[in-house]
Amino acid sequence: MKTTRHTFKYWQWRVIICSMISYAMFYFVRKNFSFAMPLLKQEFGITNASFGIILSLAGIIYGVSKFLNGILSDRTNPRWHLVIGLSVCVAVNFLFGFSDKISTMLTGQSSGPDFVGGMVVVMAVLYVINQIFQGAGFGPCNHLMVNWVPPKELATKMSIWNLSHSIGAFVISVICAYLTSWKNFFWVPALIAMFGVFFTIITLRNTPKSVGLPELPDTKTEIDDKEDDPKAFREFIVRRVFKSRIVWTLAITDLFVYVVRFAILDWGPTLMKDMGLSQAMSGWTVGIFEVAGCLGMLSAGLISDKLFKSQTNKVCAIEMGLVAVCLVALHFIQDWNRPVLFLIVLALAGFLIYGPQAMLGVVATNQVTKKAASSAVGLIGLMSYVSTLITGYPLGLFADKFGWHPIFLLMAGFSIVGCIIVSTLWNLKGDGYIHDETSGQDV
């Protein structure tokens, strides 16, 4: 048993770390577009409005894709699902570098308004395709995690895995800082991600059973004996996910979490410059918000498993309430001309808001079991990106009418509502598995 346990831990951490690297590769061929935009604007005169339309359209497409791929992930081989998704994103990014050539082929011109308009259309189509297959990243990784991590460890290990978002975004930012051609902003990340495709094939394995190890104990579901019955599986998904009060409660809570998060990330630099902070200080403030968020994710996972016995929903409710306190404090601090204090409290808000952002999916995953986990987080992911309908034009309109001053009180209100909603699940049991009381198997 000691040897089996040792082998399982090796494979468990191999899957966790390698899937983190695989998912980070998706960021290489996703976030690079933002870095290419200034050079595209400079060389071809593409307007910010054109880029804005592309980004808005792509954001909604990504949310829908994440939802649909979540459902698909519960029935597919996660390793090959990742490989197909990343491969298409790599191919699309190579094509991005030929956007000017494709526009010339379509319009018959190599300059002028028609050429630029054609190039915008080409990039929009390619970016939408890219976002469709970007949605094939998270679902398969979540499927891998629930196959390899017991429910009582999921919050801790999932909080570690969630660092892959920040790692991917950070590394590609550093790489792009040294590139000088807009074409290389697509080709260099695509070349690196292409090696990521082969890395995924070589390193990942779907389940403990696939490497000769026993499946996780205490993860039995009523669908186990009907794996090959599509009708039974559909009924299971509908009952456990789409008709589940728990899942919808978590999804709506996540909507409010992302309203607060995106409001700070999207409008933070503008807000802080209007407050009189320098551009450098504004950038550092938002950056520190992200770093604090990473620490918050790790802490939320550890606190959930160690102090709250994996009742992660309680941690989410408490942290949402504390976020509201921080945001009310920021409302008053912005008048004190104390930028360092403002930065500290904003970082604390980031530390707290990233806990629910990472952990709500863990709650859903444990409740719907590993058979429906990706479908549940896909639905929650869709709701999180619905938040852009609030944080985009409506929030900008609010700022134009009332100024930035009351914005923190408005965000505090969203946080309180989210806290109240998730608190309705306070007495939720740890997971939705059928436990065998006689099972004492330790992997």
Protein backbone atom coordinates (compact mmCIF):
# COMPACT_ATOMS: atom_id res chain seq x y z
CA MET A 1 0.00 0.00 0.00
CA LYS A 2 2.90 2.33 0.77
CA THR A 3 4.24 1.87 -2.77
CA THR A 4 0.77 2.45 -4.24
CA ARG A 5 0.35 5.62 -2.20
CA HIS A 6 3.77 6.87 -3.28
CA THR A 7 2.96 6.13 -6.92
CA PHE A 8 -0.42 7.84 -6.68
CA LYS A 9 1.08 11.00 -5.20
CA TYR A 10 3.65 11.09 -8.00
CA TRP A 11 0.98 10.81 -10.67
CA GLN A 12 -1.38 13.19 -8.89
CA TRP A 13 1.20 15.98 -8.71
CA ARG A 14 2.40 15.22 -12.23
CA VAL A 15 -1.13 15.73 -13.55
CA ILE A 16 -1.65 18.89 -11.47
CA ILE A 17 1.62 20.54 -12.52
CA CYS A 18 1.53 19.43 -16.15
CA SER A 19 -2.10 20.48 -16.61
CA MET A 20 -1.16 23.87 -15.13
CA ILE A 21 1.54 24.20 -17.79
CA SER A 22 -0.86 23.04 -20.51
CA TYR A 23 -3.50 25.56 -19.50
CA ALA A 24 -0.91 28.35 -19.23
CA MET A 25 -0.11 27.67 -22.90
CA PHE A 26 -3.66 28.71 -23.80
CA TYR A 27 -2.84 32.14 -22.37
CA PHE A 28 0.18 32.38 -24.66
CA VAL A 29 -2.12 32.31 -27.69
CA ARG A 30 -4.91 34.36 -26.13
CA LYS A 31 -3.47 37.34 -24.24
CA ASN A 32 -0.92 38.10 -26.97
CA PHE A 33 -3.55 39.90 -29.06
CA SER A 34 -3.71 42.78 -26.55
CA PHE A 35 0.04 43.31 -26.86
CA ALA A 36 -0.15 43.36 -30.65
CA MET A 37 -2.89 45.99 -30.77
CA PRO A 38 -0.69 49.10 -30.26
CA LEU A 39 1.63 48.12 -33.14
CA LEU A 40 -1.33 47.25 -35.38
CA LYS A 41 -2.85 50.62 -34.58
CA GLN A 42 0.43 52.38 -35.31
CA GLU A 43 1.16 50.58 -38.59
CA PHE A 44 -2.32 50.32 -40.10
CA GLY A 45 -4.34 52.99 -38.27
CA ILE A 46 -6.86 50.51 -36.85
CA THR A 47 -9.05 52.37 -34.37
CA ASN A 48 -9.62 51.57 -30.70
CA ALA A 49 -13.32 51.21 -31.49
CA SER A 50 -12.55 48.42 -33.97
CA PHE A 51 -10.40 46.63 -31.40
CA GLY A 52 -13.13 47.17 -28.79
CA ILE A 53 -15.73 45.48 -30.97
CA ILE A 54 -13.42 42.51 -31.53
CA LEU A 55 -12.67 42.17 -27.81
CA SER A 56 -16.32 42.49 -26.73
CA LEU A 57 -17.50 39.94 -29.28
CA ALA A 58 -14.70 37.57 -28.35
CA GLY A 59 -15.47 37.86 -24.62
CA ILE A 60 -19.06 36.75 -25.06
CA ILE A 61 -18.01 33.97 -27.45
CA TYR A 62 -15.47 32.73 -24.91
CA GLY A 63 -18.10 32.58 -22.15
CA VAL A 64 -20.45 30.54 -24.34
CA SER A 65 -17.60 28.28 -25.49
CA LYS A 66 -16.48 27.68 -21.91
CA PHE A 67 -20.04 26.60 -21.08
CA LEU A 68 -20.41 24.25 -24.07
CA ASN A 69 -16.94 22.78 -23.66
CA GLY A 70 -17.68 22.20 -20.00
CA ILE A 71 -20.61 19.97 -20.92
CA LEU A 72 -18.54 18.25 -23.60
CA SER A 73 -15.62 17.69 -21.19
CA ASP A 74 -17.65 15.39 -18.97
CA ARG A 75 -17.88 12.90 -21.85
CA THR A 76 -14.53 13.31 -23.61
CA ASN A 77 -10.94 12.26 -23.10
CA PRO A 78 -9.52 15.34 -21.31
CA ARG A 79 -5.98 14.98 -22.64
CA TRP A 80 -7.06 14.90 -26.29
CA HIS A 81 -9.69 17.57 -25.68
CA LEU A 82 -6.89 19.88 -24.50
CA VAL A 83 -4.67 18.89 -27.42
CA ILE A 84 -7.33 19.64 -30.05
CA GLY A 85 -8.25 22.98 -28.48
CA LEU A 86 -4.66 24.17 -28.11
CA SER A 87 -3.69 22.94 -31.59
CA VAL A 88 -6.42 25.00 -33.26
CA CYS A 89 -5.44 28.08 -31.23
CA VAL A 90 -1.82 27.61 -32.35
CA ALA A 91 -2.87 27.32 -36.00
CA VAL A 92 -5.09 30.41 -35.76
CA ASN A 93 -2.26 32.45 -34.25
CA PHE A 94 0.07 31.51 -37.10
CA LEU A 95 -2.66 32.73 -39.48
CA PHE A 96 -2.94 35.98 -37.51
CA GLY A 97 0.55 36.87 -38.69
CA PHE A 98 -0.70 36.70 -42.28
CA SER A 99 -3.76 38.92 -41.68
CA ASP A 100 -2.40 41.62 -44.00
CA LYS A 101 -1.73 39.11 -46.77
CA ILE A 102 -5.20 37.56 -46.40
CA SER A 103 -6.80 41.03 -46.52
CA THR A 104 -4.89 41.81 -49.74
CA MET A 105 -6.16 38.55 -51.26
CA LEU A 106 -9.75 39.40 -50.31
CA THR A 107 -9.78 43.11 -51.19
CA GLY A 108 -7.18 43.23 -53.96
CA GLN A 109 -5.46 46.14 -52.18
CA SER A 110 -2.41 46.46 -49.96
CA SER A 111 -3.31 49.78 -48.33
CA GLY A 112 -6.18 52.17 -47.85
CA PRO A 113 -9.52 52.00 -45.99
CA ASP A 114 -10.77 48.88 -47.77
CA PHE A 115 -7.56 47.02 -46.98
CA VAL A 116 -7.68 48.05 -43.30
CA GLY A 117 -11.37 47.19 -43.08
CA GLY A 118 -10.67 43.79 -44.60
CA MET A 119 -7.84 43.22 -42.16
CA VAL A 120 -10.12 44.05 -39.21
CA VAL A 121 -12.69 41.53 -40.48
CA VAL A 122 -10.00 38.86 -40.92
CA MET A 123 -8.67 39.42 -37.40
CA ALA A 124 -12.19 39.44 -35.95
CA VAL A 125 -13.01 36.09 -37.57
CA LEU A 126 -9.70 34.57 -36.48
CA TYR A 127 -10.05 35.89 -32.93
CA VAL A 128 -13.58 34.51 -32.61
CA ILE A 129 -12.36 31.10 -33.81
CA ASN A 130 -9.52 31.38 -31.32
CA GLN A 131 -11.95 32.12 -28.47
CA ILE A 132 -14.19 29.21 -29.42
CA PHE A 133 -11.29 26.80 -28.98
CA GLN A 134 -9.90 28.69 -25.97
CA GLY A 135 -13.03 27.41 -24.24
CA ALA A 136 -11.56 23.91 -24.56
CA GLY A 137 -8.94 24.71 -21.93
CA PHE A 138 -10.54 24.88 -18.50
CA GLY A 139 -13.17 22.14 -18.75
CA PRO A 140 -10.77 19.25 -19.52
CA CYS A 141 -8.36 20.48 -16.82
CA ASN A 142 -11.18 20.54 -14.28
CA HIS A 143 -12.09 17.01 -15.38
CA LEU A 144 -8.51 15.90 -14.75
CA MET A 145 -8.47 17.49 -11.30
CA VAL A 146 -11.60 15.75 -10.05
CA ASN A 147 -10.30 12.42 -11.36
CA TRP A 148 -7.03 12.78 -9.46
CA VAL A 149 -7.88 14.82 -6.33
CA PRO A 150 -10.17 13.61 -3.51
CA PRO A 151 -13.02 15.99 -2.49
CA LYS A 152 -11.38 16.75 0.87
CA GLU A 153 -8.22 18.01 -0.88
CA LEU A 154 -9.82 19.68 -3.88
CA ALA A 155 -10.02 23.23 -2.49
CA THR A 156 -6.32 23.28 -1.59
CA LYS A 157 -5.04 21.71 -4.78
CA MET A 158 -7.46 23.58 -7.04
CA SER A 159 -6.29 26.87 -5.52
CA ILE A 160 -2.74 25.88 -6.50
CA TRP A 161 -3.88 24.89 -10.00
CA ASN A 162 -5.65 28.24 -10.46
CA LEU A 163 -2.27 29.96 -10.37
CA SER A 164 -1.89 28.74 -13.95
CA HIS A 165 -3.98 31.73 -15.10
CA SER A 166 -1.60 34.24 -13.58
CA ILE A 167 1.52 32.28 -14.54
CA GLY A 168 0.45 32.13 -18.19
CA ALA A 169 -0.49 35.82 -18.29
CA PHE A 170 2.76 36.86 -16.57
CA VAL A 171 5.10 34.80 -18.76
CA ILE A 172 3.52 35.88 -22.03
CA SER A 173 3.65 39.51 -20.83
CA VAL A 174 7.41 39.20 -20.26
CA ILE A 175 7.94 37.53 -23.65
CA CYS A 176 5.91 40.16 -25.49
CA ALA A 177 7.85 42.93 -23.76
CA TYR A 178 10.87 42.00 -25.93
CA LEU A 179 9.09 41.63 -29.28
CA THR A 180 9.10 44.45 -31.82
CA SER A 181 7.07 43.16 -34.80
CA TRP A 182 3.30 42.72 -34.64
CA LYS A 183 3.64 39.45 -36.55
CA ASN A 184 5.99 38.07 -33.90
CA PHE A 185 3.40 38.80 -31.22
CA PHE A 186 1.46 35.93 -32.82
CA TRP A 187 4.17 33.69 -34.24
CA VAL A 188 6.50 33.47 -31.21
CA PRO A 189 3.77 32.53 -28.68
CA ALA A 190 2.27 30.11 -31.22
CA LEU A 191 5.63 28.40 -31.67
CA ILE A 192 6.04 27.98 -27.90
CA ALA A 193 2.46 26.74 -27.52
CA MET A 194 3.06 24.21 -30.32
CA PHE A 195 5.63 22.54 -28.08
CA GLY A 196 2.95 22.73 -25.37
CA VAL A 197 0.75 20.51 -27.51
CA PHE A 198 3.38 17.75 -27.55
CA PHE A 199 4.07 18.30 -23.85
CA THR A 200 0.37 17.71 -23.10
CA ILE A 201 0.28 14.49 -25.12
CA ILE A 202 3.37 13.11 -23.41
CA THR A 203 2.78 14.08 -19.78
CA LEU A 204 -0.94 13.92 -19.01
CA ARG A 205 -3.01 10.87 -18.13
CA ASN A 206 -6.78 10.90 -17.73
CA THR A 207 -7.50 8.79 -14.65
CA PRO A 208 -5.65 6.73 -12.02
CA LYS A 209 -7.07 3.64 -13.72
CA SER A 210 -5.27 4.58 -16.96
CA VAL A 211 -1.89 4.06 -15.21
CA GLY A 212 -2.90 0.95 -13.30
CA LEU A 213 -3.92 2.65 -10.03
CA PRO A 214 -7.23 2.34 -8.15
CA GLU A 215 -9.83 5.05 -8.63
CA LEU A 216 -10.36 7.61 -5.86
CA PRO A 217 -12.22 6.20 -2.85
CA ASP A 218 -15.52 7.73 -1.69
CA THR A 219 -16.36 9.08 -5.15
CA LYS A 220 -19.20 6.75 -6.05
CA THR A 221 -22.19 8.14 -7.96
CA GLU A 222 -25.50 6.72 -9.09
CA ILE A 223 -24.33 6.92 -12.71
CA ASP A 224 -21.29 4.66 -12.21
CA ASP A 225 -23.04 1.55 -13.52
CA LYS A 226 -24.56 3.41 -16.48
CA GLU A 227 -21.43 4.95 -17.98
CA ASP A 228 -22.30 3.83 -21.51
CA ASP A 229 -25.95 4.89 -21.40
CA PRO A 230 -26.21 8.34 -23.05
CA LYS A 231 -29.81 8.83 -21.91
CA ALA A 232 -28.96 8.09 -18.28
CA PHE A 233 -25.99 10.45 -18.45
CA ARG A 234 -28.08 13.27 -19.95
CA GLU A 235 -30.68 12.84 -17.21
CA PHE A 236 -27.90 12.90 -14.62
CA ILE A 237 -26.46 16.16 -16.03
CA VAL A 238 -29.87 17.82 -16.23
CA ARG A 239 -30.77 16.84 -12.66
CA ARG A 240 -27.39 17.54 -11.06
CA VAL A 241 -26.55 20.72 -13.00
CA PHE A 242 -29.31 22.48 -14.90
CA LYS A 243 -32.10 21.80 -12.37
CA SER A 244 -29.85 22.20 -9.35
CA ARG A 245 -30.64 25.08 -7.00
CA ILE A 246 -27.12 24.74 -5.63
CA VAL A 247 -25.39 25.17 -9.00
CA TRP A 248 -27.56 28.13 -10.00
CA THR A 249 -26.95 29.77 -6.62
CA LEU A 250 -23.21 29.41 -7.12
CA ALA A 251 -23.44 30.64 -10.73
CA ILE A 252 -25.36 33.79 -9.76
CA THR A 253 -22.92 34.42 -6.91
CA ASP A 254 -20.04 34.16 -9.38
CA LEU A 255 -21.74 36.78 -11.54
CA PHE A 256 -21.51 39.24 -8.64
CA VAL A 257 -17.92 38.20 -7.88
CA TYR A 258 -16.87 38.93 -11.46
CA VAL A 259 -18.71 42.26 -11.52
CA VAL A 260 -16.47 43.42 -8.66
CA ARG A 261 -13.33 41.85 -10.14
CA PHE A 262 -13.80 43.12 -13.70
CA ALA A 263 -14.85 46.57 -12.49
CA ILE A 264 -11.48 46.96 -10.78
CA LEU A 265 -9.42 45.34 -13.54
CA ASP A 266 -11.14 47.07 -16.48
CA TRP A 267 -11.78 50.50 -14.99
CA GLY A 268 -9.18 50.63 -12.22
CA PRO A 269 -6.41 52.39 -14.20
CA THR A 270 -8.83 55.04 -15.50
CA LEU A 271 -10.39 55.55 -12.07
CA MET A 272 -7.05 55.92 -10.33
CA LYS A 273 -5.65 58.33 -12.92
CA ASP A 274 -8.77 60.45 -12.47
CA MET A 275 -8.05 60.36 -8.72
CA GLY A 276 -4.70 61.99 -9.44
CA LEU A 277 -2.44 58.93 -9.26
CA SER A 278 0.36 58.69 -11.79
CA GLN A 279 0.18 56.19 -14.62
CA ALA A 280 2.96 54.14 -13.01
CA MET A 281 1.20 54.14 -9.64
CA SER A 282 -2.08 53.16 -11.28
CA GLY A 283 -0.40 50.26 -13.07
CA TRP A 284 1.34 49.04 -9.94
CA THR A 285 -1.90 49.27 -7.97
CA VAL A 286 -3.81 47.02 -10.36
CA GLY A 287 -0.80 44.69 -10.62
CA ILE A 288 -0.61 44.33 -6.85
CA PHE A 289 -4.36 43.62 -6.83
CA GLU A 290 -3.62 40.60 -9.07
CA VAL A 291 -0.66 39.40 -6.99
CA ALA A 292 -2.69 39.68 -3.80
CA GLY A 293 -5.42 37.72 -5.56
CA CYS A 294 -3.04 34.81 -6.19
CA LEU A 295 -2.17 34.70 -2.49
CA GLY A 296 -5.87 34.91 -1.72
CA MET A 297 -6.65 31.86 -3.84
CA LEU A 298 -4.01 29.78 -2.08
CA SER A 299 -5.15 30.91 1.34
CA ALA A 300 -8.82 30.29 0.59
CA GLY A 301 -8.06 26.72 -0.47
CA LEU A 302 -6.00 25.96 2.63
CA ILE A 303 -8.51 27.58 4.98
CA SER A 304 -11.38 25.68 3.37
CA ASP A 305 -9.79 22.26 3.72
CA LYS A 306 -7.95 22.75 7.03
CA LEU A 307 -10.30 24.96 9.08
CA PHE A 308 -13.72 24.50 7.51
CA LYS A 309 -13.47 20.77 6.71
CA SER A 310 -13.85 21.41 2.96
CA GLN A 311 -17.06 23.42 3.37
CA THR A 312 -15.71 25.95 0.91
CA ASN A 313 -19.07 27.71 0.54
CA LYS A 314 -18.66 29.17 4.05
CA VAL A 315 -15.28 30.65 3.16
CA CYS A 316 -16.80 32.20 0.01
CA ALA A 317 -19.61 33.84 2.00
CA ILE A 318 -17.26 35.23 4.66
CA GLU A 319 -14.81 36.61 2.09
CA MET A 320 -17.57 38.25 0.04
CA GLY A 321 -18.74 40.05 3.17
CA LEU A 322 -15.19 41.21 3.95
CA VAL A 323 -14.76 42.42 0.36
CA ALA A 324 -17.76 44.71 0.89
CA VAL A 325 -16.08 46.13 4.02
CA CYS A 326 -12.89 46.84 2.04
CA LEU A 327 -14.81 48.55 -0.76
CA VAL A 328 -16.70 50.80 1.67
CA ALA A 329 -13.33 51.70 3.24
CA LEU A 330 -11.94 52.54 -0.22
CA HIS A 331 -14.84 54.92 -0.79
CA PHE A 332 -13.64 57.06 2.12
CA ILE A 333 -9.88 56.53 1.68
CA GLN A 334 -9.97 57.97 -1.86
CA ASP A 335 -10.59 61.41 -0.31
CA TRP A 336 -7.66 61.24 2.10
CA ASN A 337 -4.83 61.60 -0.43
CA ARG A 338 -3.16 58.53 1.04
CA PRO A 339 -2.18 56.44 -2.02
CA VAL A 340 -0.20 53.87 -0.04
CA LEU A 341 -3.14 53.19 2.29
CA PHE A 342 -5.43 53.03 -0.74
CA LEU A 343 -3.12 50.47 -2.37
CA ILE A 344 -2.99 48.33 0.79
CA VAL A 345 -6.77 48.17 1.18
CA LEU A 346 -7.29 47.52 -2.55
CA ALA A 347 -4.75 44.68 -2.34
CA LEU A 348 -6.69 43.26 0.62
CA ALA A 349 -9.87 43.44 -1.47
CA GLY A 350 -8.06 41.53 -4.24
CA PHE A 351 -6.83 38.96 -1.72
CA LEU A 352 -10.43 38.37 -0.60
CA ILE A 353 -12.29 38.50 -3.93
CA TYR A 354 -10.05 35.94 -5.62
CA GLY A 355 -10.96 33.36 -2.97
CA PRO A 356 -14.61 33.07 -4.09
CA GLN A 357 -13.55 33.49 -7.72
CA ALA A 358 -11.51 30.29 -7.48
CA MET A 359 -13.52 28.37 -4.88
CA LEU A 360 -17.12 28.64 -6.13
CA GLY A 361 -16.24 26.17 -8.88
CA VAL A 362 -14.77 23.83 -6.26
CA VAL A 363 -18.05 23.87 -4.33
CA ALA A 364 -19.96 23.04 -7.51
CA THR A 365 -17.49 20.34 -8.50
CA ASN A 366 -17.83 18.53 -5.18
CA GLN A 367 -21.62 18.79 -5.22
CA VAL A 368 -22.25 17.50 -8.76
CA THR A 369 -19.45 14.86 -8.49
CA LYS A 370 -16.70 14.14 -11.01
CA LYS A 371 -19.28 12.89 -13.53
CA ALA A 372 -20.78 16.35 -14.03
CA ALA A 373 -18.05 18.66 -12.69
CA SER A 374 -17.06 20.27 -16.00
CA SER A 375 -20.68 20.91 -16.97
CA ALA A 376 -21.25 22.73 -13.68
CA VAL A 377 -18.13 24.89 -13.90
CA GLY A 378 -18.96 25.59 -17.55
CA LEU A 379 -22.34 27.01 -16.53
CA ILE A 380 -20.71 29.03 -13.76
CA GLY A 381 -18.07 30.24 -16.22
CA LEU A 382 -20.78 31.43 -18.61
CA MET A 383 -22.43 33.44 -15.83
CA SER A 384 -19.10 34.98 -14.86
CA TYR A 385 -18.69 36.44 -18.35
CA VAL A 386 -22.28 37.71 -18.39
CA SER A 387 -20.87 40.19 -15.86
CA THR A 388 -19.25 42.08 -18.75
CA LEU A 389 -22.76 43.24 -19.72
CA ILE A 390 -22.74 45.14 -16.40
CA THR A 391 -19.10 46.19 -16.12
CA GLY A 392 -18.82 47.49 -19.67
CA TYR A 393 -21.17 50.14 -21.03
CA PRO A 394 -23.50 50.40 -17.96
CA LEU A 395 -20.64 51.01 -15.53
CA GLY A 396 -19.04 53.53 -17.89
CA LEU A 397 -22.41 55.31 -18.18
CA PHE A 398 -22.73 55.33 -14.38
CA ALA A 399 -19.28 56.91 -14.09
CA ASP A 400 -20.12 59.54 -16.72
CA LYS A 401 -23.28 60.52 -14.83
CA PHE A 402 -22.18 60.25 -11.20
CA GLY A 403 -18.39 60.26 -11.41
CA TRP A 404 -16.03 57.66 -10.01
CA HIS A 405 -16.52 58.68 -6.39
CA PRO A 406 -19.51 56.42 -5.56
CA ILE A 407 -18.25 53.48 -7.61
CA PHE A 408 -16.81 51.66 -4.61
CA LEU A 409 -20.13 51.87 -2.76
CA LEU A 410 -21.85 50.43 -5.82
CA MET A 411 -19.35 47.56 -5.95
CA ALA A 412 -19.79 47.02 -2.18
CA GLY A 413 -23.51 46.61 -2.85
CA PHE A 414 -22.81 43.93 -5.47
CA SER A 415 -20.49 42.17 -3.03
CA ILE A 416 -23.12 42.20 -0.26
CA VAL A 417 -25.73 40.74 -2.61
CA GLY A 418 -23.28 38.00 -3.60
CA CYS A 419 -22.55 37.31 0.08
CA ILE A 420 -26.27 36.97 0.86
CA ILE A 421 -26.89 34.65 -2.09
CA VAL A 422 -24.06 32.22 -1.31
CA SER A 423 -24.94 32.33 2.40
CA THR A 424 -28.18 30.50 1.57
CA LEU A 425 -25.93 27.44 1.10
CA TRP A 426 -24.31 27.81 4.54
CA ASN A 427 -25.38 24.35 5.79
CA LEU A 428 -24.52 22.59 2.53
CA LYS A 429 -22.88 19.18 3.01
CA GLY A 430 -19.33 18.70 1.80
CA ASP A 431 -20.01 16.78 -1.43
CA GLY A 432 -22.64 14.91 -3.41
CA TYR A 433 -21.03 11.48 -3.56
CA ILE A 434 -22.57 8.24 -2.29
CA HIS A 435 -20.19 7.33 0.53
CA ASP A 436 -19.39 3.78 1.50
CA GLU A 437 -19.04 3.93 5.27
CA THR A 438 -16.89 0.80 5.22
CA SER A 439 -14.40 2.26 2.78
CA GLY A 440 -11.09 2.99 4.36
CA GLN A 441 -8.94 2.83 1.27
CA ASP A 442 -6.11 5.34 1.25
CA VAL A 443 -4.49 6.31 -2.01
